[in-house]
Amino acid sequence: MAETIDELTVNYMDGETQTVKELDKKVLSKGAWSTIIYRYQDWNRSAEEYGPDKYTIRRYQKRNGEYQQKSKFNISSEKQAKEVIEALSAWIEDSSLKTKS
């Protein structure tokens, strides 16, 4: 298990094949409970290439000096990612309009 946020990753090896390749990550919160969003690709065995970008939000708890994954939400397509962005943007815009009134 990872002892620091920098060590946390979604990279995954199956034997000598990297089946999950992390492309980027952004730490959304740090502390005893940390949240990270990752951009990654899965290995497509039949096509022998990596598939389209996917995204996952992972929540970790640090206990006894090590981070343990407690929950995750996978965003499986660009379309779904855009829908999440649109919903959050609309809610934030609506909320900021209410606070200005």
PDB file of N, CA and C in Angstrom:
ATOM      1  N   MET A   1       0.827  -1.199   0.000  1.00  0.00           N
ATOM      2  CA  MET A   1       0.000   0.000   0.000  1.00  0.00           C
ATOM      3  C   MET A   1       0.868   1.260   0.000  1.00  0.00           C
ATOM      4  N   ALA A   2       0.292   2.338  -0.453  1.00  0.00           N
ATOM      5  CA  ALA A   2       1.003   3.608  -0.577  1.00  0.00           C
ATOM      6  C   ALA A   2       1.028   4.364   0.752  1.00  0.00           C
ATOM      7  N   GLU A   3       2.153   4.997   1.005  1.00  0.00           N
ATOM      8  CA  GLU A   3       2.297   5.805   2.213  1.00  0.00           C
ATOM      9  C   GLU A   3       2.111   7.293   1.922  1.00  0.00           C
ATOM     10  N   THR A   4       2.262   7.696   0.642  1.00  0.00           N
ATOM     11  CA  THR A   4       2.081   9.101   0.252  1.00  0.00           C
ATOM     12  C   THR A   4       1.111   9.184  -0.916  1.00  0.00           C
ATOM     13  N   ILE A   5       0.535  10.356  -1.095  1.00  0.00           N
ATOM     14  CA  ILE A   5      -0.391  10.576  -2.212  1.00  0.00           C
ATOM     15  C   ILE A   5       0.317  10.369  -3.545  1.00  0.00           C
ATOM     16  N   ASP A   6       1.574  10.775  -3.629  1.00  0.00           N
ATOM     17  CA  ASP A   6       2.319  10.611  -4.874  1.00  0.00           C
ATOM     18  C   ASP A   6       2.454   9.155  -5.296  1.00  0.00           C
ATOM     19  N   GLU A   7       2.424   8.244  -4.339  1.00  0.00           N
ATOM     20  CA  GLU A   7       2.553   6.815  -4.641  1.00  0.00           C
ATOM     21  C   GLU A   7       1.245   6.186  -5.121  1.00  0.00           C
ATOM     22  N   LEU A   8       0.111   6.843  -4.876  1.00  0.00           N
ATOM     23  CA  LEU A   8      -1.174   6.294  -5.291  1.00  0.00           C
ATOM     24  C   LEU A   8      -1.290   6.323  -6.812  1.00  0.00           C
ATOM     25  N   THR A   9      -1.796   5.236  -7.389  1.00  0.00           N
ATOM     26  CA  THR A   9      -1.906   5.130  -8.837  1.00  0.00           C
ATOM     27  C   THR A   9      -3.000   4.139  -9.206  1.00  0.00           C
ATOM     28  N   VAL A  10      -3.460   4.215 -10.446  1.00  0.00           N
ATOM     29  CA  VAL A  10      -4.376   3.205 -10.969  1.00  0.00           C
ATOM     30  C   VAL A  10      -3.666   2.286 -11.959  1.00  0.00           C
ATOM     31  N   ASN A  11      -2.360   2.521 -12.178  1.00  0.00           N
ATOM     32  CA  ASN A  11      -1.599   1.615 -13.043  1.00  0.00           C
ATOM     33  C   ASN A  11      -1.765   0.192 -12.539  1.00  0.00           C
ATOM     34  N   TYR A  12      -1.906  -0.754 -13.481  1.00  0.00           N
ATOM     35  CA  TYR A  12      -2.065  -2.152 -13.080  1.00  0.00           C
ATOM     36  C   TYR A  12      -1.364  -3.056 -14.082  1.00  0.00           C
ATOM     37  N   MET A  13      -0.584  -3.969 -13.555  1.00  0.00           N
ATOM     38  CA  MET A  13       0.125  -4.947 -14.380  1.00  0.00           C
ATOM     39  C   MET A  13      -0.515  -6.315 -14.190  1.00  0.00           C
ATOM     40  N   ASP A  14      -0.721  -7.021 -15.295  1.00  0.00           N
ATOM     41  CA  ASP A  14      -1.168  -8.416 -15.267  1.00  0.00           C
ATOM     42  C   ASP A  14      -0.049  -9.217 -15.904  1.00  0.00           C
ATOM     43  N   GLY A  15       0.792  -9.777 -15.070  1.00  0.00           N
ATOM     44  CA  GLY A  15       2.002 -10.424 -15.591  1.00  0.00           C
ATOM     45  C   GLY A  15       2.932  -9.353 -16.118  1.00  0.00           C
ATOM     46  N   GLU A  16       3.257  -9.452 -17.402  1.00  0.00           N
ATOM     47  CA  GLU A  16       4.132  -8.450 -18.023  1.00  0.00           C
ATOM     48  C   GLU A  16       3.359  -7.417 -18.846  1.00  0.00           C
ATOM     49  N   THR A  17       2.027  -7.482 -18.799  1.00  0.00           N
ATOM     50  CA  THR A  17       1.193  -6.562 -19.573  1.00  0.00           C
ATOM     51  C   THR A  17       0.598  -5.509 -18.659  1.00  0.00           C
ATOM     52  N   GLN A  18       0.776  -4.247 -19.036  1.00  0.00           N
ATOM     53  CA  GLN A  18       0.150  -3.165 -18.277  1.00  0.00           C
ATOM     54  C   GLN A  18      -1.285  -3.051 -18.780  1.00  0.00           C
ATOM     55  N   THR A  19      -2.241  -3.534 -17.987  1.00  0.00           N
ATOM     56  CA  THR A  19      -3.637  -3.563 -18.419  1.00  0.00           C
ATOM     57  C   THR A  19      -4.379  -2.266 -18.109  1.00  0.00           C
ATOM     58  N   VAL A  20      -3.862  -1.475 -17.172  1.00  0.00           N
ATOM     59  CA  VAL A  20      -4.410  -0.147 -16.891  1.00  0.00           C
ATOM     60  C   VAL A  20      -3.239   0.825 -16.886  1.00  0.00           C
ATOM     61  N   LYS A  21      -3.336   1.837 -17.748  1.00  0.00           N
ATOM     62  CA  LYS A  21      -2.262   2.824 -17.872  1.00  0.00           C
ATOM     63  C   LYS A  21      -2.780   4.190 -17.418  1.00  0.00           C
ATOM     64  N   GLU A  22      -2.208   4.679 -16.320  1.00  0.00           N
ATOM     65  CA  GLU A  22      -2.571   5.996 -15.808  1.00  0.00           C
ATOM     66  C   GLU A  22      -1.949   7.059 -16.707  1.00  0.00           C
ATOM     67  N   LEU A  23      -2.777   8.007 -17.147  1.00  0.00           N
ATOM     68  CA  LEU A  23      -2.300   9.096 -18.001  1.00  0.00           C
ATOM     69  C   LEU A  23      -2.078  10.378 -17.213  1.00  0.00           C
ATOM     70  N   ASP A  24      -2.892  10.581 -16.180  1.00  0.00           N
ATOM     71  CA  ASP A  24      -2.784  11.806 -15.387  1.00  0.00           C
ATOM     72  C   ASP A  24      -3.590  11.615 -14.105  1.00  0.00           C
ATOM     73  N   LYS A  25      -3.312  12.453 -13.120  1.00  0.00           N
ATOM     74  CA  LYS A  25      -4.121  12.458 -11.907  1.00  0.00           C
ATOM     75  C   LYS A  25      -4.120  13.855 -11.322  1.00  0.00           C
ATOM     76  N   LYS A  26      -5.208  14.164 -10.629  1.00  0.00           N
ATOM     77  CA  LYS A  26      -5.328  15.452  -9.951  1.00  0.00           C
ATOM     78  C   LYS A  26      -5.859  15.177  -8.554  1.00  0.00           C
ATOM     79  N   VAL A  27      -5.129  15.662  -7.574  1.00  0.00           N
ATOM     80  CA  VAL A  27      -5.534  15.502  -6.181  1.00  0.00           C
ATOM     81  C   VAL A  27      -6.583  16.569  -5.884  1.00  0.00           C
ATOM     82  N   LEU A  28      -7.776  16.126  -5.490  1.00  0.00           N
ATOM     83  CA  LEU A  28      -8.872  17.051  -5.200  1.00  0.00           C
ATOM     84  C   LEU A  28      -8.911  17.444  -3.729  1.00  0.00           C
ATOM     85  N   SER A  29      -8.469  16.538  -2.860  1.00  0.00           N
ATOM     86  CA  SER A  29      -8.373  16.862  -1.430  1.00  0.00           C
ATOM     87  C   SER A  29      -7.308  15.982  -0.797  1.00  0.00           C
ATOM     88  N   LYS A  30      -6.681  16.531   0.235  1.00  0.00           N
ATOM     89  CA  LYS A  30      -5.626  15.825   0.964  1.00  0.00           C
ATOM     90  C   LYS A  30      -6.006  15.754   2.431  1.00  0.00           C
ATOM     91  N   GLY A  31      -5.410  14.819   3.120  1.00  0.00           N
ATOM     92  CA  GLY A  31      -5.642  14.691   4.553  1.00  0.00           C
ATOM     93  C   GLY A  31      -5.882  13.245   4.911  1.00  0.00           C
ATOM     94  N   ALA A  32      -6.530  13.028   6.066  1.00  0.00           N
ATOM     95  CA  ALA A  32      -6.848  11.666   6.488  1.00  0.00           C
ATOM     96  C   ALA A  32      -7.752  10.994   5.462  1.00  0.00           C
ATOM     97  N   TRP A  33      -8.605  11.787   4.830  1.00  0.00           N
ATOM     98  CA  TRP A  33      -9.422  11.334   3.702  1.00  0.00           C
ATOM     99  C   TRP A  33      -8.988  12.139   2.487  1.00  0.00           C
ATOM    100  N   SER A  34      -8.566  11.460   1.434  1.00  0.00           N
ATOM    101  CA  SER A  34      -8.089  12.125   0.221  1.00  0.00           C
ATOM    102  C   SER A  34      -8.904  11.669  -0.980  1.00  0.00           C
ATOM    103  N   THR A  35      -9.087  12.586  -1.920  1.00  0.00           N
ATOM    104  CA  THR A  35      -9.845  12.299  -3.137  1.00  0.00           C
ATOM    105  C   THR A  35      -8.974  12.631  -4.335  1.00  0.00           C
ATOM    106  N   ILE A  36      -8.910  11.700  -5.284  1.00  0.00           N
ATOM    107  CA  ILE A  36      -8.088  11.878  -6.484  1.00  0.00           C
ATOM    108  C   ILE A  36      -8.910  11.493  -7.699  1.00  0.00           C
ATOM    109  N   ILE A  37      -8.799  12.277  -8.772  1.00  0.00           N
ATOM    110  CA  ILE A  37      -9.404  11.909 -10.042  1.00  0.00           C
ATOM    111  C   ILE A  37      -8.259  11.516 -10.984  1.00  0.00           C
ATOM    112  N   TYR A  38      -8.439  10.391 -11.661  1.00  0.00           N
ATOM    113  CA  TYR A  38      -7.433   9.857 -12.581  1.00  0.00           C
ATOM    114  C   TYR A  38      -7.986   9.827 -14.007  1.00  0.00           C
ATOM    115  N   ARG A  39      -7.094  10.026 -14.969  1.00  0.00           N
ATOM    116  CA  ARG A  39      -7.385   9.755 -16.383  1.00  0.00           C
ATOM    117  C   ARG A  39      -6.553   8.535 -16.737  1.00  0.00           C
ATOM    118  N   TYR A  40      -7.182   7.540 -17.361  1.00  0.00           N
ATOM    119  CA  TYR A  40      -6.472   6.299 -17.643  1.00  0.00           C
ATOM    120  C   TYR A  40      -7.003   5.633 -18.906  1.00  0.00           C
ATOM    121  N   GLN A  41      -6.318   4.578 -19.332  1.00  0.00           N
ATOM    122  CA  GLN A  41      -6.755   3.760 -20.463  1.00  0.00           C
ATOM    123  C   GLN A  41      -6.628   2.292 -20.080  1.00  0.00           C
ATOM    124  N   ASP A  42      -7.559   1.483 -20.571  1.00  0.00           N
ATOM    125  CA  ASP A  42      -7.506   0.034 -20.395  1.00  0.00           C
ATOM    126  C   ASP A  42      -6.892  -0.607 -21.634  1.00  0.00           C
ATOM    127  N   TRP A  43      -6.150  -1.687 -21.417  1.00  0.00           N
ATOM    128  CA  TRP A  43      -5.559  -2.450 -22.510  1.00  0.00           C
ATOM    129  C   TRP A  43      -6.634  -3.331 -23.142  1.00  0.00           C
ATOM    130  N   ASN A  44      -6.771  -3.241 -24.462  1.00  0.00           N
ATOM    131  CA  ASN A  44      -7.701  -4.075 -25.209  1.00  0.00           C
ATOM    132  C   ASN A  44      -6.899  -5.241 -25.777  1.00  0.00           C
ATOM    133  N   ARG A  45      -7.065  -6.408 -25.201  1.00  0.00           N
ATOM    134  CA  ARG A  45      -6.265  -7.577 -25.604  1.00  0.00           C
ATOM    135  C   ARG A  45      -6.505  -7.976 -27.058  1.00  0.00           C
ATOM    136  N   SER A  46      -7.753  -7.936 -27.503  1.00  0.00           N
ATOM    137  CA  SER A  46      -8.042  -8.381 -28.870  1.00  0.00           C
ATOM    138  C   SER A  46      -7.471  -7.430 -29.915  1.00  0.00           C
ATOM    139  N   ALA A  47      -7.525  -6.133 -29.646  1.00  0.00           N
ATOM    140  CA  ALA A  47      -6.987  -5.151 -30.587  1.00  0.00           C
ATOM    141  C   ALA A  47      -5.499  -4.900 -30.355  1.00  0.00           C
ATOM    142  N   GLU A  48      -4.988  -5.374 -29.214  1.00  0.00           N
ATOM    143  CA  GLU A  48      -3.602  -5.157 -28.814  1.00  0.00           C
ATOM    144  C   GLU A  48      -3.213  -3.675 -28.823  1.00  0.00           C
ATOM    145  N   GLU A  49      -4.095  -2.887 -28.201  1.00  0.00           N
ATOM    146  CA  GLU A  49      -3.843  -1.452 -28.052  1.00  0.00           C
ATOM    147  C   GLU A  49      -4.677  -0.926 -26.890  1.00  0.00           C
ATOM    148  N   TYR A  50      -4.327   0.273 -26.429  1.00  0.00           N
ATOM    149  CA  TYR A  50      -5.096   0.888 -25.352  1.00  0.00           C
ATOM    150  C   TYR A  50      -6.360   1.512 -25.924  1.00  0.00           C
ATOM    151  N   GLY A  51      -7.431   1.429 -25.146  1.00  0.00           N
ATOM    152  CA  GLY A  51      -8.717   1.978 -25.554  1.00  0.00           C
ATOM    153  C   GLY A  51      -8.796   3.470 -25.286  1.00  0.00           C
ATOM    154  N   PRO A  52     -10.001   4.003 -25.398  1.00  0.00           N
ATOM    155  CA  PRO A  52     -10.205   5.447 -25.190  1.00  0.00           C
ATOM    156  C   PRO A  52      -9.973   5.843 -23.737  1.00  0.00           C
ATOM    157  N   ASP A  53      -9.753   7.131 -23.527  1.00  0.00           N
ATOM    158  CA  ASP A  53      -9.570   7.654 -22.174  1.00  0.00           C
ATOM    159  C   ASP A  53     -10.811   7.384 -21.331  1.00  0.00           C
ATOM    160  N   LYS A  54     -10.552   7.036 -20.079  1.00  0.00           N
ATOM    161  CA  LYS A  54     -11.595   6.878 -19.080  1.00  0.00           C
ATOM    162  C   LYS A  54     -11.167   7.666 -17.854  1.00  0.00           C
ATOM    163  N   TYR A  55     -12.089   7.815 -16.912  1.00  0.00           N
ATOM    164  CA  TYR A  55     -11.819   8.625 -15.734  1.00  0.00           C
ATOM    165  C   TYR A  55     -12.368   7.906 -14.514  1.00  0.00           C
ATOM    166  N   THR A  56     -11.700   8.059 -13.394  1.00  0.00           N
ATOM    167  CA  THR A  56     -12.180   7.471 -12.156  1.00  0.00           C
ATOM    168  C   THR A  56     -11.865   8.404 -10.993  1.00  0.00           C
ATOM    169  N   ILE A  57     -12.798   8.511 -10.081  1.00  0.00           N
ATOM    170  CA  ILE A  57     -12.611   9.297  -8.863  1.00  0.00           C
ATOM    171  C   ILE A  57     -12.474   8.293  -7.728  1.00  0.00           C
ATOM    172  N   ARG A  58     -11.369   8.393  -7.004  1.00  0.00           N
ATOM    173  CA  ARG A  58     -11.099   7.446  -5.917  1.00  0.00           C
ATOM    174  C   ARG A  58     -10.992   8.198  -4.596  1.00  0.00           C
ATOM    175  N   ARG A  59     -11.510   7.570  -3.563  1.00  0.00           N
ATOM    176  CA  ARG A  59     -11.485   8.132  -2.215  1.00  0.00           C
ATOM    177  C   ARG A  59     -10.640   7.204  -1.353  1.00  0.00           C
ATOM    178  N   TYR A  60      -9.656   7.773  -0.674  1.00  0.00           N
ATOM    179  CA  TYR A  60      -8.730   7.004   0.150  1.00  0.00           C
ATOM    180  C   TYR A  60      -8.779   7.487   1.588  1.00  0.00           C
ATOM    181  N   GLN A  61      -8.565   6.546   2.511  1.00  0.00           N
ATOM    182  CA  GLN A  61      -8.422   6.888   3.921  1.00  0.00           C
ATOM    183  C   GLN A  61      -7.023   6.474   4.349  1.00  0.00           C
ATOM    184  N   LYS A  62      -6.345   7.371   5.064  1.00  0.00           N
ATOM    185  CA  LYS A  62      -5.014   7.040   5.566  1.00  0.00           C
ATOM    186  C   LYS A  62      -5.153   6.509   6.982  1.00  0.00           C
ATOM    187  N   ARG A  63      -4.741   5.243   7.152  1.00  0.00           N
ATOM    188  CA  ARG A  63      -4.784   4.584   8.459  1.00  0.00           C
ATOM    189  C   ARG A  63      -3.483   3.846   8.668  1.00  0.00           C
ATOM    190  N   ASN A  64      -2.952   3.990   9.862  1.00  0.00           N
ATOM    191  CA  ASN A  64      -1.687   3.330  10.204  1.00  0.00           C
ATOM    192  C   ASN A  64      -0.587   3.667   9.192  1.00  0.00           C
ATOM    193  N   GLY A  65      -0.589   4.905   8.716  1.00  0.00           N
ATOM    194  CA  GLY A  65       0.466   5.374   7.821  1.00  0.00           C
ATOM    195  C   GLY A  65       0.326   4.952   6.370  1.00  0.00           C
ATOM    196  N   GLU A  66      -0.773   4.276   6.002  1.00  0.00           N
ATOM    197  CA  GLU A  66      -0.955   3.827   4.626  1.00  0.00           C
ATOM    198  C   GLU A  66      -2.342   4.216   4.112  1.00  0.00           C
ATOM    199  N   TYR A  67      -2.396   4.559   2.817  1.00  0.00           N
ATOM    200  CA  TYR A  67      -3.658   4.890   2.186  1.00  0.00           C
ATOM    201  C   TYR A  67      -4.376   3.609   1.768  1.00  0.00           C
ATOM    202  N   GLN A  68      -5.668   3.558   2.070  1.00  0.00           N
ATOM    203  CA  GLN A  68      -6.504   2.440   1.664  1.00  0.00           C
ATOM    204  C   GLN A  68      -7.680   2.985   0.865  1.00  0.00           C
ATOM    205  N   GLN A  69      -7.915   2.410  -0.314  1.00  0.00           N
ATOM    206  CA  GLN A  69      -9.037   2.855  -1.120  1.00  0.00           C
ATOM    207  C   GLN A  69     -10.335   2.472  -0.429  1.00  0.00           C
ATOM    208  N   LYS A  70     -11.246   3.429  -0.315  1.00  0.00           N
ATOM    209  CA  LYS A  70     -12.521   3.186   0.347  1.00  0.00           C
ATOM    210  C   LYS A  70     -13.698   3.218  -0.627  1.00  0.00           C
ATOM    211  N   SER A  71     -13.583   3.989  -1.701  1.00  0.00           N
ATOM    212  CA  SER A  71     -14.668   4.032  -2.679  1.00  0.00           C
ATOM    213  C   SER A  71     -14.131   4.535  -4.015  1.00  0.00           C
ATOM    214  N   LYS A  72     -14.924   4.286  -5.069  1.00  0.00           N
ATOM    215  CA  LYS A  72     -14.537   4.775  -6.389  1.00  0.00           C
ATOM    216  C   LYS A  72     -15.786   4.970  -7.234  1.00  0.00           C
ATOM    217  N   PHE A  73     -15.663   5.873  -8.194  1.00  0.00           N
ATOM    218  CA  PHE A  73     -16.704   6.097  -9.184  1.00  0.00           C
ATOM    219  C   PHE A  73     -16.009   6.155 -10.531  1.00  0.00           C
ATOM    220  N   ASN A  74     -16.387   5.250 -11.432  1.00  0.00           N
ATOM    221  CA  ASN A  74     -15.784   5.215 -12.755  1.00  0.00           C
ATOM    222  C   ASN A  74     -16.647   5.958 -13.756  1.00  0.00           C
ATOM    223  N   ILE A  75     -16.020   6.836 -14.511  1.00  0.00           N
ATOM    224  CA  ILE A  75     -16.668   7.539 -15.620  1.00  0.00           C
ATOM    225  C   ILE A  75     -16.156   6.844 -16.869  1.00  0.00           C
ATOM    226  N   SER A  76     -17.029   6.096 -17.523  1.00  0.00           N
ATOM    227  CA  SER A  76     -16.577   5.139 -18.524  1.00  0.00           C
ATOM    228  C   SER A  76     -16.490   5.658 -19.949  1.00  0.00           C
ATOM    229  N   SER A  77     -16.896   6.903 -20.172  1.00  0.00           N
ATOM    230  CA  SER A  77     -16.839   7.419 -21.543  1.00  0.00           C
ATOM    231  C   SER A  77     -16.703   8.941 -21.530  1.00  0.00           C
ATOM    232  N   GLU A  78     -16.273   9.462 -22.654  1.00  0.00           N
ATOM    233  CA  GLU A  78     -16.181  10.922 -22.804  1.00  0.00           C
ATOM    234  C   GLU A  78     -17.570  11.546 -22.688  1.00  0.00           C
ATOM    235  N   LYS A  79     -18.578  10.867 -23.234  1.00  0.00           N
ATOM    236  CA  LYS A  79     -19.953  11.378 -23.173  1.00  0.00           C
ATOM    237  C   LYS A  79     -20.402  11.518 -21.722  1.00  0.00           C
ATOM    238  N   GLN A  80     -20.158  10.488 -20.922  1.00  0.00           N
ATOM    239  CA  GLN A  80     -20.557  10.547 -19.525  1.00  0.00           C
ATOM    240  C   GLN A  80     -19.781  11.634 -18.781  1.00  0.00           C
ATOM    241  N   ALA A  81     -18.502  11.793 -19.091  1.00  0.00           N
ATOM    242  CA  ALA A  81     -17.690  12.843 -18.455  1.00  0.00           C
ATOM    243  C   ALA A  81     -18.273  14.224 -18.763  1.00  0.00           C
ATOM    244  N   LYS A  82     -18.659  14.437 -20.013  1.00  0.00           N
ATOM    245  CA  LYS A  82     -19.242  15.732 -20.393  1.00  0.00           C
ATOM    246  C   LYS A  82     -20.564  15.973 -19.681  1.00  0.00           C
ATOM    247  N   GLU A  83     -21.357  14.915 -19.490  1.00  0.00           N
ATOM    248  CA  GLU A  83     -22.628  15.063 -18.782  1.00  0.00           C
ATOM    249  C   GLU A  83     -22.412  15.427 -17.319  1.00  0.00           C
ATOM    250  N   VAL A  84     -21.403  14.855 -16.690  1.00  0.00           N
ATOM    251  CA  VAL A  84     -21.072  15.201 -15.304  1.00  0.00           C
ATOM    252  C   VAL A  84     -20.636  16.667 -15.235  1.00  0.00           C
ATOM    253  N   ILE A  85     -19.786  17.076 -16.170  1.00  0.00           N
ATOM    254  CA  ILE A  85     -19.315  18.466 -16.214  1.00  0.00           C
ATOM    255  C   ILE A  85     -20.487  19.423 -16.399  1.00  0.00           C
ATOM    256  N   GLU A  86     -21.390  19.098 -17.319  1.00  0.00           N
ATOM    257  CA  GLU A  86     -22.554  19.958 -17.577  1.00  0.00           C
ATOM    258  C   GLU A  86     -23.444  20.086 -16.343  1.00  0.00           C
ATOM    259  N   ALA A  87     -23.696  18.969 -15.676  1.00  0.00           N
ATOM    260  CA  ALA A  87     -24.552  19.005 -14.488  1.00  0.00           C
ATOM    261  C   ALA A  87     -23.909  19.845 -13.386  1.00  0.00           C
ATOM    262  N   LEU A  88     -22.627  19.597 -13.109  1.00  0.00           N
ATOM    263  CA  LEU A  88     -21.943  20.361 -12.072  1.00  0.00           C
ATOM    264  C   LEU A  88     -21.877  21.847 -12.418  1.00  0.00           C
ATOM    265  N   SER A  89     -21.576  22.157 -13.669  1.00  0.00           N
ATOM    266  CA  SER A  89     -21.505  23.558 -14.105  1.00  0.00           C
ATOM    267  C   SER A  89     -22.848  24.256 -13.920  1.00  0.00           C
ATOM    268  N   ALA A  90     -23.934  23.581 -14.283  1.00  0.00           N
ATOM    269  CA  ALA A  90     -25.269  24.175 -14.139  1.00  0.00           C
ATOM    270  C   ALA A  90     -25.589  24.405 -12.670  1.00  0.00           C
ATOM    271  N   TRP A  91     -25.292  23.431 -11.817  1.00  0.00           N
ATOM    272  CA  TRP A  91     -25.581  23.575 -10.389  1.00  0.00           C
ATOM    273  C   TRP A  91     -24.752  24.693  -9.775  1.00  0.00           C
ATOM    274  N   ILE A  92     -23.495  24.794 -10.159  1.00  0.00           N
ATOM    275  CA  ILE A  92     -22.628  25.845  -9.619  1.00  0.00           C
ATOM    276  C   ILE A  92     -23.116  27.218 -10.081  1.00  0.00           C
ATOM    277  N   GLU A  93     -23.487  27.318 -11.345  1.00  0.00           N
ATOM    278  CA  GLU A  93     -24.010  28.584 -11.878  1.00  0.00           C
ATOM    279  C   GLU A  93     -25.289  28.963 -11.146  1.00  0.00           C
ATOM    280  N   ASP A  94     -26.178  28.002 -10.964  1.00  0.00           N
ATOM    281  CA  ASP A  94     -27.450  28.249 -10.258  1.00  0.00           C
ATOM    282  C   ASP A  94     -27.177  28.685  -8.820  1.00  0.00           C
ATOM    283  N   SER A  95     -26.243  28.036  -8.172  1.00  0.00           N
ATOM    284  CA  SER A  95     -25.917  28.368  -6.787  1.00  0.00           C
ATOM    285  C   SER A  95     -25.318  29.769  -6.673  1.00  0.00           C
ATOM    286  N   SER A  96     -24.444  30.120  -7.626  1.00  0.00           N
ATOM    287  CA  SER A  96     -23.813  31.452  -7.561  1.00  0.00           C
ATOM    288  C   SER A  96     -24.821  32.548  -7.863  1.00  0.00           C
ATOM    289  N   LEU A  97     -25.826  32.269  -8.681  1.00  0.00           N
ATOM    290  CA  LEU A  97     -26.874  33.253  -8.949  1.00  0.00           C
ATOM    291  C   LEU A  97     -27.719  33.486  -7.705  1.00  0.00           C
ATOM    292  N   LYS A  98     -27.982  32.420  -6.945  1.00  0.00           N
ATOM    293  CA  LYS A  98     -28.784  32.538  -5.731  1.00  0.00           C
ATOM    294  C   LYS A  98     -28.071  33.333  -4.649  1.00  0.00           C
ATOM    295  N   THR A  99     -26.735  33.182  -4.560  1.00  0.00           N
ATOM    296  CA  THR A  99     -25.992  33.905  -3.534  1.00  0.00           C
ATOM    297  C   THR A  99     -25.842  35.382  -3.869  1.00  0.00           C
ATOM    298  N   LYS A 100     -25.991  35.737  -5.149  1.00  0.00           N
ATOM    299  CA  LYS A 100     -25.888  37.140  -5.546  1.00  0.00           C
ATOM    300  C   LYS A 100     -27.197  37.876  -5.334  1.00  0.00           C
ATOM    301  N   SER A 101     -28.291  37.139  -5.195  1.00  0.00           N
ATOM    302  CA  SER A 101     -29.613  37.763  -5.033  1.00  0.00           C
ATOM    303  C   SER A 101     -29.812  38.303  -3.661  1.00  0.00           C
TER     304      SER A 101
END
